[in-house]
Every structure is written in structure tokens, then in C-alpha cells.
Amino acid sequence: MPGVFINYRRSDDPSVVHAILAYLERSLPPQEIFLDVEGIAPGDNFERIIDERLEHCYVLLAIIGPSWLEVTDREGRRRLELADDFVRREIARALELRKTVLPVLVRDASMPPSNRLPEDLRPLASLQAARLEHETFRENIKQLTALVESIVRTHRSRANATATATKGAPSPRSGQFQTLLVFLLFGLAACAVSEGLSFAAFGPLDLAVPQGVWRSLGSNLLAAAPFAIAWPMAAWLSGFRSWQTITVPLAVFLLAWTTTGIYWENYSPFKTNNIATDREILANLIIMAGWALYFPRLRRISYFALAFVFAVLGTVANHQIGTWDWPLLPMLIVQSICLNLPLFGLVGYAISQFGRPIQPGTAQASQTA
């Protein structure tokens, strides 16, 4: 695409335009310069080509001759007053696109006053112009060429810097991996802190509160607290920042952990066998349902099926680990990791794949929910 767009009035002296083109081609590749008589092939859509070249150019040279302002059509109307005048349209479009517009005054031409210009061309009147005088033409055109070359070089350097920065930006896959990693790390930390708190409070809690629903509620709230903090923190650090990020995971996890804990410790038929399969299945499914409230795109059977499988495998592994001859606290932490970390990984992976959550009340939410 060209870096220089030459705008001119054909009724002015065309030899000046071609002299400018010849000098520019000494410093810039020919494909960097657009002149309509050479840059549009027969059969091309003239207006479309003009718009494309204006969109991608760095600088527009507005060649202004002595009669530029007063040229009229066959009916005596000033050409600049006509909406379909291409000289006017090209300059107006370049100004609209915030391109560098450089007026070039040829021979005795002067800058047109703003009150003689159409509304969309009036910014042109306040631009500093270059001048090509007959007596100093060679010197003037060398200065013009150096100026244009400098403008093109500056814009090209900026474009290359932007492309390099974009190229060096993290890829979407990298962002997905980071989201998954954040959830896994917070899951590991929550497992360790939860079991540490439960281990430290087991004796005092056992003495203070007798066996029953209230003791189950207290012990499960204590164990759930690190997870209830870890879930929303992982989401927050992954870029999902709204009040739902805190309230939904926290409330759902506390509900899931305490209700299933009370159920398992007081009513589950598997309690005597030390296999909390039913408790973990219920907890995982409730947690997935809570995340699906915040991320409607997580409402897939496959995710709930995986949460079910993870609960079953986690409880089987938990039972096997319970037979190891390990110190109690490390064994409890490993058991907690088997039960909880897969779900952190599942949610982290799912969120990283689907991107930002759908916010309630937005057009996107109404379309996809």
C-alpha cells in the first residue's frame, strides 16, 4: 500500500505533478506513491481504489495551483462546492482519517482562506504549506522530497513498533494457561490451609461442641473458608472482576460444603466406610451449578459429568490414601488435593476457554443465556 497519496487538479499544470512524482521516486519505491492516472488499472472500481489508498497512506500531498480554488464545471459551478468533486472528497477523507495533509503551493498559488472552502475542507486553511517556486524549483522540490520521506519513515517506524508490540503480546493460549495455573495454585493453597485449620481446631472444637449438626456446621465452615476465599480470588486474578466474582463462588461453595458436610457426617450411609462419594458428588455438582450461574456457557452436560467423575475418583483415591502409614496432617492434605484440585482445574480450564463471563443485563447475555 502507498505511503504517499498525490491529490491534484487535472486542470492545473500536470508537468508539476509529474516532476514531483519523479523526485519522490528517487527516494521512495514507486509502489509507495499513489497517483490516480498510474495507480488505477482499467476495469478497477475508481472510488473503491481511492478509498483504500487513502485509508492506508501516511501523507496526502494536496497540489494547489493558481486556479485550484476557482475552477468551475461546464455549468459554471465552482468544483470545490460539488460533493462529488474528487479533489474535495480525497482531501476531506484524509482530514477525517487524521492523515498528514501537506498543501503544496505551485507557482503563484496562495493558501485558500477558510471562508472560501466547504465546511469539510476548512481545516486545510490552517495547515502549513510547502511552496514550489519557478526560480527555486529544484531546491524547493528537494526540500519537499526530504520532508515527505521523513514523514513516511516516521509513520512506518510507528507502524513497525506497533506490529512488534502486538507480536510480542501474550497469545490467547498463553492467557488460557495462566488462568488454569492460577486456579490450580489457589486450589493447592486452599487444600493445605483448610486441612491445617481443621487439624488445629479438631481438639478444641470436639471439646466445645458435642457431636451433631451444629458441630458439623462449625467444622465444615472452618474447612470451607479457605476454599470460599480461593475460588473468587482465582477468578479475580484471572481478570473476571465484578461483584458476582466474589459473591457467587463464595456463597455457592459455603452452601455446598456445609450442607453436604452436615449430610455426610450425620446422615450418609457411607459414613462408616470412610467413603464420602455421595457428599463429594453433591458438592461438586452444586459448585459447578454456581459457576454456571455466573458463566452461562458452562451449562454443559460434559462439565457436570466430569465433576461427577472427579468426585467418584477423588473419593476412591481418598479411601486408598487413608490406608497409608503417613503422619496425619500430610495425609489429610493429599486427600484434600485428590478431592478438590481436579474441580479447580476443571473450572479454570472451562473459564479460560470461554473468556470473559457474560454480564447480566447486557445484550450479549440476553442472546446467549
Protein backbone atom coordinates (compact mmCIF):
# COMPACT_ATOMS: atom_id res chain seq x y z
CA MET A 1 0.00 0.00 0.00
CA PRO A 2 1.25 3.53 -0.78
CA GLY A 3 2.66 5.80 1.88
CA VAL A 4 2.15 8.94 -0.25
CA PHE A 5 -1.11 9.97 -1.91
CA ILE A 6 -0.86 12.75 -4.52
CA ASN A 7 -4.03 14.84 -4.80
CA TYR A 8 -4.17 17.32 -7.67
CA ARG A 9 -6.48 19.18 -10.02
CA ARG A 10 -6.02 17.94 -13.59
CA SER A 11 -6.79 21.38 -14.99
CA ASP A 12 -3.63 22.67 -13.28
CA ASP A 13 -0.21 22.18 -14.91
CA PRO A 14 0.28 18.35 -14.94
CA SER A 15 4.01 18.71 -15.58
CA VAL A 16 4.49 19.89 -11.99
CA VAL A 17 2.73 16.81 -10.66
CA HIS A 18 4.91 14.51 -12.73
CA ALA A 19 8.04 16.37 -11.66
CA ILE A 20 7.05 15.83 -8.00
CA LEU A 21 6.40 12.15 -8.74
CA ALA A 22 9.80 11.75 -10.42
CA TYR A 23 11.66 13.29 -7.49
CA LEU A 24 9.73 11.24 -4.92
CA GLU A 25 10.54 8.01 -6.80
CA ARG A 26 14.23 8.73 -6.31
CA SER A 27 13.78 8.37 -2.55
CA LEU A 28 10.79 6.06 -2.23
CA PRO A 29 9.81 2.86 -4.04
CA PRO A 30 7.23 3.52 -6.79
CA GLN A 31 4.67 1.33 -5.00
CA GLU A 32 4.87 3.73 -2.04
CA ILE A 33 3.40 6.56 -4.15
CA PHE A 34 -0.14 6.76 -5.47
CA LEU A 35 -1.14 8.87 -8.46
CA ASP A 36 -4.58 8.12 -9.85
CA VAL A 37 -3.59 8.03 -13.54
CA GLU A 38 -0.97 5.36 -12.80
CA GLY A 39 -2.38 3.61 -9.72
CA ILE A 40 -5.76 2.52 -11.10
CA ALA A 41 -5.95 -0.16 -13.78
CA PRO A 42 -8.69 -0.27 -16.42
CA GLY A 43 -11.75 -2.00 -15.06
CA ASP A 44 -10.96 -1.22 -11.40
CA ASN A 45 -13.56 0.45 -9.22
CA PHE A 46 -12.23 4.01 -9.10
CA GLU A 47 -13.93 5.09 -5.90
CA ARG A 48 -13.06 1.89 -4.03
CA ILE A 49 -9.38 2.13 -5.00
CA ILE A 50 -9.24 5.78 -3.93
CA ASP A 51 -10.76 4.97 -0.54
CA GLU A 52 -8.39 2.05 0.03
CA ARG A 53 -5.30 4.11 -0.82
CA LEU A 54 -6.44 6.95 1.44
CA GLU A 55 -7.09 4.50 4.27
CA HIS A 56 -3.53 3.18 4.16
CA CYS A 57 -1.46 6.20 3.15
CA TYR A 58 0.69 8.17 5.61
CA VAL A 59 0.63 11.58 3.91
CA LEU A 60 -1.54 13.29 1.30
CA LEU A 61 0.09 15.93 -0.89
CA ALA A 62 -2.58 18.49 -1.88
CA ILE A 63 -1.14 20.16 -5.01
CA ILE A 64 -2.67 23.65 -5.18
CA GLY A 65 -2.19 25.67 -8.34
CA PRO A 66 -3.20 29.30 -9.04
CA SER A 67 -6.70 28.32 -10.29
CA TRP A 68 -7.28 25.49 -7.76
CA LEU A 69 -9.89 27.41 -5.78
CA GLU A 70 -11.83 28.88 -8.72
CA VAL A 71 -12.07 26.00 -11.18
CA THR A 72 -15.67 25.56 -12.39
CA ASP A 73 -17.60 22.86 -14.20
CA ARG A 74 -19.45 23.27 -17.51
CA GLU A 75 -22.39 24.87 -15.76
CA GLY A 76 -20.21 27.49 -14.08
CA ARG A 77 -20.36 25.99 -10.58
CA ARG A 78 -17.23 26.03 -8.50
CA ARG A 79 -15.87 22.46 -8.44
CA LEU A 80 -15.00 22.59 -4.74
CA GLU A 81 -18.63 23.26 -3.90
CA LEU A 82 -19.72 19.99 -5.53
CA ALA A 83 -19.99 16.94 -3.26
CA ASP A 84 -18.75 14.60 -6.00
CA ASP A 85 -15.57 16.58 -6.71
CA PHE A 86 -12.77 14.07 -6.18
CA VAL A 87 -10.21 16.69 -5.16
CA ARG A 88 -12.53 17.78 -2.38
CA ARG A 89 -13.51 14.22 -1.42
CA GLU A 90 -9.93 12.99 -1.19
CA ILE A 91 -8.73 15.87 0.99
CA ALA A 92 -11.83 15.73 3.20
CA ARG A 93 -11.42 11.99 3.68
CA ALA A 94 -7.74 12.34 4.56
CA LEU A 95 -8.60 15.02 7.13
CA GLU A 96 -11.32 12.81 8.54
CA LEU A 97 -8.85 9.92 8.88
CA ARG A 98 -6.36 12.28 10.59
CA LYS A 99 -3.74 11.67 7.93
CA THR A 100 -0.90 14.12 7.46
CA VAL A 101 -2.16 16.55 4.80
CA LEU A 102 0.58 18.67 3.24
CA PRO A 103 -0.56 21.56 0.98
CA VAL A 104 1.92 22.21 -1.84
CA LEU A 105 1.57 25.66 -3.41
CA VAL A 106 2.68 25.79 -7.02
CA ARG A 107 3.92 29.00 -8.67
CA ASP A 108 1.80 31.98 -7.60
CA ALA A 109 -0.83 29.99 -5.71
CA SER A 110 -1.71 31.00 -2.16
CA MET A 111 -3.45 29.16 0.64
CA PRO A 112 -7.22 29.42 0.22
CA PRO A 113 -8.99 31.26 3.05
CA SER A 114 -11.26 29.11 5.17
CA ASN A 115 -14.35 31.17 4.30
CA ARG A 116 -13.93 30.17 0.64
CA LEU A 117 -13.72 26.47 1.44
CA PRO A 118 -16.52 23.97 2.02
CA GLU A 119 -17.10 23.00 5.64
CA ASP A 120 -15.26 19.70 5.39
CA LEU A 121 -12.16 21.36 3.86
CA ARG A 122 -11.81 24.32 6.24
CA PRO A 123 -9.13 22.64 8.41
CA LEU A 124 -6.93 22.75 5.31
CA ALA A 125 -6.63 26.55 5.60
CA SER A 126 -4.77 26.30 8.91
CA LEU A 127 -2.11 23.86 7.69
CA GLN A 128 1.47 24.95 6.98
CA ALA A 129 2.17 24.67 3.26
CA ALA A 130 5.24 23.87 1.19
CA ARG A 131 5.93 26.03 -1.85
CA LEU A 132 7.35 25.27 -5.30
CA GLU A 133 8.58 28.49 -6.97
CA HIS A 134 9.70 28.56 -10.56
CA GLU A 135 13.03 30.28 -9.76
CA THR A 136 13.95 27.89 -6.91
CA PHE A 137 12.08 24.81 -8.09
CA ARG A 138 14.99 22.35 -7.83
CA GLU A 139 15.82 23.42 -4.27
CA ASN A 140 12.16 23.53 -3.23
CA ILE A 141 11.36 20.08 -4.58
CA LYS A 142 14.41 18.57 -2.86
CA GLN A 143 13.18 20.02 0.42
CA LEU A 144 9.68 18.72 -0.24
CA THR A 145 11.02 15.25 -1.06
CA ALA A 146 13.10 15.16 2.13
CA LEU A 147 10.08 16.25 4.19
CA VAL A 148 7.79 13.61 2.67
CA GLU A 149 10.44 10.92 3.10
CA SER A 150 10.79 11.91 6.76
CA ILE A 151 7.03 11.74 7.32
CA VAL A 152 6.78 8.31 5.69
CA ARG A 153 9.77 7.00 7.67
CA THR A 154 8.28 8.24 10.96
CA HIS A 155 4.88 6.66 10.31
CA ARG A 156 6.44 3.41 9.12
CA SER A 157 8.57 3.22 12.28
CA ARG A 158 5.47 3.70 14.42
CA ALA A 159 3.61 1.02 12.47
CA ASN A 160 6.52 -1.42 12.84
CA ALA A 161 6.74 -0.70 16.57
CA THR A 162 3.02 -1.37 16.94
CA ALA A 163 3.31 -4.60 14.96
CA THR A 164 6.27 -5.71 17.09
CA ALA A 165 4.41 -4.93 20.31
CA THR A 166 1.38 -6.85 19.05
CA LYS A 167 3.58 -9.75 18.01
CA GLY A 168 5.18 -9.84 21.45
CA ALA A 169 1.86 -9.72 23.29
CA PRO A 170 0.76 -12.86 25.08
CA SER A 171 -1.17 -15.23 22.86
CA PRO A 172 -4.70 -16.31 23.80
CA ARG A 173 -3.31 -19.78 24.53
CA SER A 174 -0.82 -18.25 26.97
CA GLY A 175 -3.66 -16.44 28.74
CA GLN A 176 -5.64 -19.69 28.93
CA PHE A 177 -2.70 -21.47 30.53
CA GLN A 178 -2.25 -18.67 33.06
CA THR A 179 -5.92 -18.87 34.08
CA LEU A 180 -5.67 -22.62 34.57
CA LEU A 181 -2.43 -22.23 36.53
CA VAL A 182 -3.94 -19.59 38.84
CA PHE A 183 -6.89 -21.83 39.68
CA LEU A 184 -4.64 -24.82 40.36
CA LEU A 185 -2.30 -22.83 42.61
CA PHE A 186 -5.17 -21.39 44.61
CA GLY A 187 -6.67 -24.86 44.84
CA LEU A 188 -3.43 -26.27 46.26
CA ALA A 189 -3.16 -23.43 48.77
CA ALA A 190 -6.78 -23.87 49.85
CA CYS A 191 -6.31 -27.61 50.38
CA ALA A 192 -3.28 -27.06 52.61
CA VAL A 193 -4.78 -24.20 54.64
CA SER A 194 -8.15 -25.91 55.04
CA GLU A 195 -6.68 -29.12 56.40
CA GLY A 196 -4.25 -27.18 58.59
CA LEU A 197 -7.11 -25.21 60.18
CA SER A 198 -9.23 -28.33 60.63
CA PHE A 199 -6.32 -30.22 62.17
CA ALA A 200 -5.51 -27.39 64.60
CA ALA A 201 -9.15 -26.87 65.62
CA PHE A 202 -10.17 -30.53 65.84
CA GLY A 203 -9.41 -30.94 69.52
CA PRO A 204 -10.85 -27.64 70.83
CA LEU A 205 -13.93 -27.96 68.63
CA ASP A 206 -14.53 -31.54 69.76
CA LEU A 207 -14.43 -30.44 73.39
CA ALA A 208 -16.54 -27.31 72.94
CA VAL A 209 -19.33 -28.67 70.74
CA PRO A 210 -20.89 -32.13 71.06
CA GLN A 211 -21.40 -34.41 68.08
CA GLY A 212 -24.33 -33.38 65.90
CA VAL A 213 -25.49 -30.90 63.30
CA TRP A 214 -24.02 -27.82 64.98
CA ARG A 215 -20.60 -29.38 65.34
CA SER A 216 -20.73 -30.45 61.69
CA LEU A 217 -21.72 -26.92 60.71
CA GLY A 218 -18.83 -25.36 62.63
CA SER A 219 -16.18 -27.77 61.41
CA ASN A 220 -17.31 -27.54 57.79
CA LEU A 221 -17.49 -23.74 57.82
CA LEU A 222 -13.93 -23.70 59.14
CA ALA A 223 -12.75 -26.12 56.48
CA ALA A 224 -14.70 -24.34 53.74
CA ALA A 225 -13.39 -20.84 54.49
CA PRO A 226 -10.05 -21.17 52.59
CA PHE A 227 -11.87 -22.59 49.55
CA ALA A 228 -14.56 -19.93 49.70
CA ILE A 229 -11.74 -17.35 49.50
CA ALA A 230 -9.63 -19.24 46.95
CA TRP A 231 -12.39 -19.63 44.34
CA PRO A 232 -13.23 -15.92 43.94
CA MET A 233 -9.59 -14.85 44.29
CA ALA A 234 -8.58 -17.17 41.44
CA ALA A 235 -11.35 -15.73 39.26
CA TRP A 236 -10.46 -12.16 40.24
CA LEU A 237 -6.76 -12.58 39.40
CA SER A 238 -7.72 -14.18 36.09
CA GLY A 239 -9.48 -10.96 35.06
CA PHE A 240 -13.10 -11.73 35.95
CA ARG A 241 -13.77 -8.70 38.13
CA SER A 242 -17.28 -7.91 39.24
CA TRP A 243 -19.31 -8.31 42.39
CA GLN A 244 -20.51 -11.69 41.11
CA THR A 245 -16.90 -12.89 41.11
CA ILE A 246 -16.90 -12.65 44.89
CA THR A 247 -20.46 -13.40 45.93
CA VAL A 248 -21.41 -16.28 43.64
CA PRO A 249 -18.41 -18.63 44.19
CA LEU A 250 -18.19 -17.78 47.88
CA ALA A 251 -21.87 -18.32 48.65
CA VAL A 252 -22.14 -21.42 46.50
CA PHE A 253 -19.07 -23.06 47.97
CA LEU A 254 -20.10 -22.37 51.55
CA LEU A 255 -23.56 -23.76 50.79
CA ALA A 256 -22.19 -26.83 49.02
CA TRP A 257 -19.52 -27.63 51.60
CA THR A 258 -21.56 -27.11 54.76
CA THR A 259 -24.79 -28.77 53.62
CA THR A 260 -23.05 -31.82 52.14
CA GLY A 261 -20.74 -31.98 55.17
CA ILE A 262 -23.65 -31.99 57.60
CA TYR A 263 -25.38 -34.62 55.46
CA TRP A 264 -22.37 -36.92 55.26
CA GLU A 265 -21.36 -36.66 58.91
CA ASN A 266 -24.87 -37.21 60.23
CA TYR A 267 -27.00 -38.98 57.63
CA SER A 268 -24.89 -40.61 54.91
CA PRO A 269 -24.97 -44.44 54.70
CA PHE A 270 -21.33 -44.38 53.54
CA LYS A 271 -20.01 -42.60 56.63
CA THR A 272 -18.98 -45.80 58.40
CA ASN A 273 -16.94 -46.91 55.37
CA ASN A 274 -14.99 -43.64 55.20
CA ILE A 275 -16.08 -43.12 51.59
CA ALA A 276 -17.73 -39.75 51.06
CA THR A 277 -18.69 -40.40 47.44
CA ASP A 278 -22.21 -39.08 47.78
CA ARG A 279 -21.00 -35.99 49.66
CA GLU A 280 -18.35 -35.15 47.03
CA ILE A 281 -20.73 -35.71 44.12
CA LEU A 282 -23.27 -33.36 45.62
CA ALA A 283 -20.63 -30.75 46.49
CA ASN A 284 -19.05 -30.81 43.02
CA LEU A 285 -22.37 -30.56 41.22
CA ILE A 286 -23.51 -27.67 43.41
CA ILE A 287 -20.24 -25.83 42.82
CA MET A 288 -20.50 -26.35 39.05
CA ALA A 289 -24.09 -25.09 39.15
CA GLY A 290 -22.90 -21.97 40.98
CA TRP A 291 -20.25 -21.24 38.37
CA ALA A 292 -22.81 -21.83 35.63
CA LEU A 293 -24.94 -19.08 37.17
CA TYR A 294 -22.06 -16.67 36.57
CA PHE A 295 -20.84 -18.24 33.31
CA PRO A 296 -23.93 -19.31 31.32
CA ARG A 297 -21.69 -21.00 28.76
CA LEU A 298 -20.64 -23.53 31.41
CA ARG A 299 -24.15 -25.01 31.34
CA ARG A 300 -22.95 -28.10 29.55
CA ILE A 301 -23.63 -31.70 30.48
CA SER A 302 -19.98 -32.55 29.82
CA TYR A 303 -18.74 -30.30 32.62
CA PHE A 304 -21.23 -31.68 35.12
CA ALA A 305 -20.34 -35.21 34.03
CA LEU A 306 -16.65 -34.52 34.61
CA ALA A 307 -17.43 -33.03 38.02
CA PHE A 308 -19.29 -36.27 38.84
CA VAL A 309 -16.37 -38.43 37.67
CA PHE A 310 -13.83 -36.37 39.60
CA ALA A 311 -15.89 -36.77 42.78
CA VAL A 312 -16.01 -40.55 42.40
CA LEU A 313 -12.32 -40.92 41.58
CA GLY A 314 -11.36 -38.47 44.31
CA THR A 315 -13.21 -40.35 46.99
CA VAL A 316 -11.77 -43.69 45.87
CA ALA A 317 -8.27 -42.20 45.99
CA ASN A 318 -9.13 -40.65 49.34
CA HIS A 319 -10.02 -44.06 50.73
CA GLN A 320 -6.78 -45.60 49.47
CA ILE A 321 -4.64 -42.78 50.83
CA GLY A 322 -6.27 -43.29 54.22
CA THR A 323 -4.53 -46.65 54.44
CA TRP A 324 -1.06 -45.14 54.07
CA ASP A 325 1.28 -45.05 57.02
CA TRP A 326 1.78 -41.29 56.89
CA PRO A 327 1.63 -38.53 59.50
CA LEU A 328 -1.95 -37.40 59.82
CA LEU A 329 -1.69 -33.78 58.53
CA PRO A 330 0.24 -34.55 55.28
CA MET A 331 -2.15 -37.42 54.60
CA LEU A 332 -5.16 -35.13 55.09
CA ILE A 333 -3.67 -32.54 52.71
CA VAL A 334 -3.06 -35.16 50.00
CA GLN A 335 -6.60 -36.46 50.44
CA SER A 336 -7.97 -32.93 50.12
CA ILE A 337 -5.93 -32.40 46.95
CA CYS A 338 -7.38 -35.56 45.42
CA LEU A 339 -10.90 -34.45 46.27
CA ASN A 340 -10.74 -30.75 45.40
CA LEU A 341 -7.93 -29.93 42.98
CA PRO A 342 -9.49 -31.62 39.91
CA LEU A 343 -12.55 -29.40 40.24
CA PHE A 344 -10.35 -26.28 40.43
CA GLY A 345 -8.63 -27.44 37.26
CA LEU A 346 -11.92 -28.17 35.52
CA VAL A 347 -13.42 -24.76 36.30
CA GLY A 348 -10.15 -22.94 35.49
CA TYR A 349 -9.88 -24.73 32.16
CA ALA A 350 -13.51 -24.10 31.27
CA ILE A 351 -13.29 -20.40 32.11
CA SER A 352 -10.04 -19.98 30.17
CA GLN A 353 -11.68 -21.48 27.07
CA PHE A 354 -14.79 -19.32 27.15
CA GLY A 355 -13.20 -15.99 28.03
CA ARG A 356 -14.94 -13.24 29.95
CA PRO A 357 -18.20 -14.01 31.77
CA ILE A 358 -21.49 -12.83 30.34
CA GLN A 359 -22.71 -9.98 32.49
CA PRO A 360 -26.39 -9.92 33.43
CA GLY A 361 -28.41 -7.20 31.71
CA THR A 362 -26.18 -6.90 28.63
CA ALA A 363 -27.21 -7.58 25.06
CA GLN A 364 -24.73 -10.44 24.94
CA ALA A 365 -26.27 -12.03 27.99
CA SER A 366 -29.76 -11.88 26.56
CA GLN A 367 -28.59 -13.50 23.34
CA THR A 368 -26.55 -16.37 24.75
CA ALA A 369 -28.07 -17.16 28.10
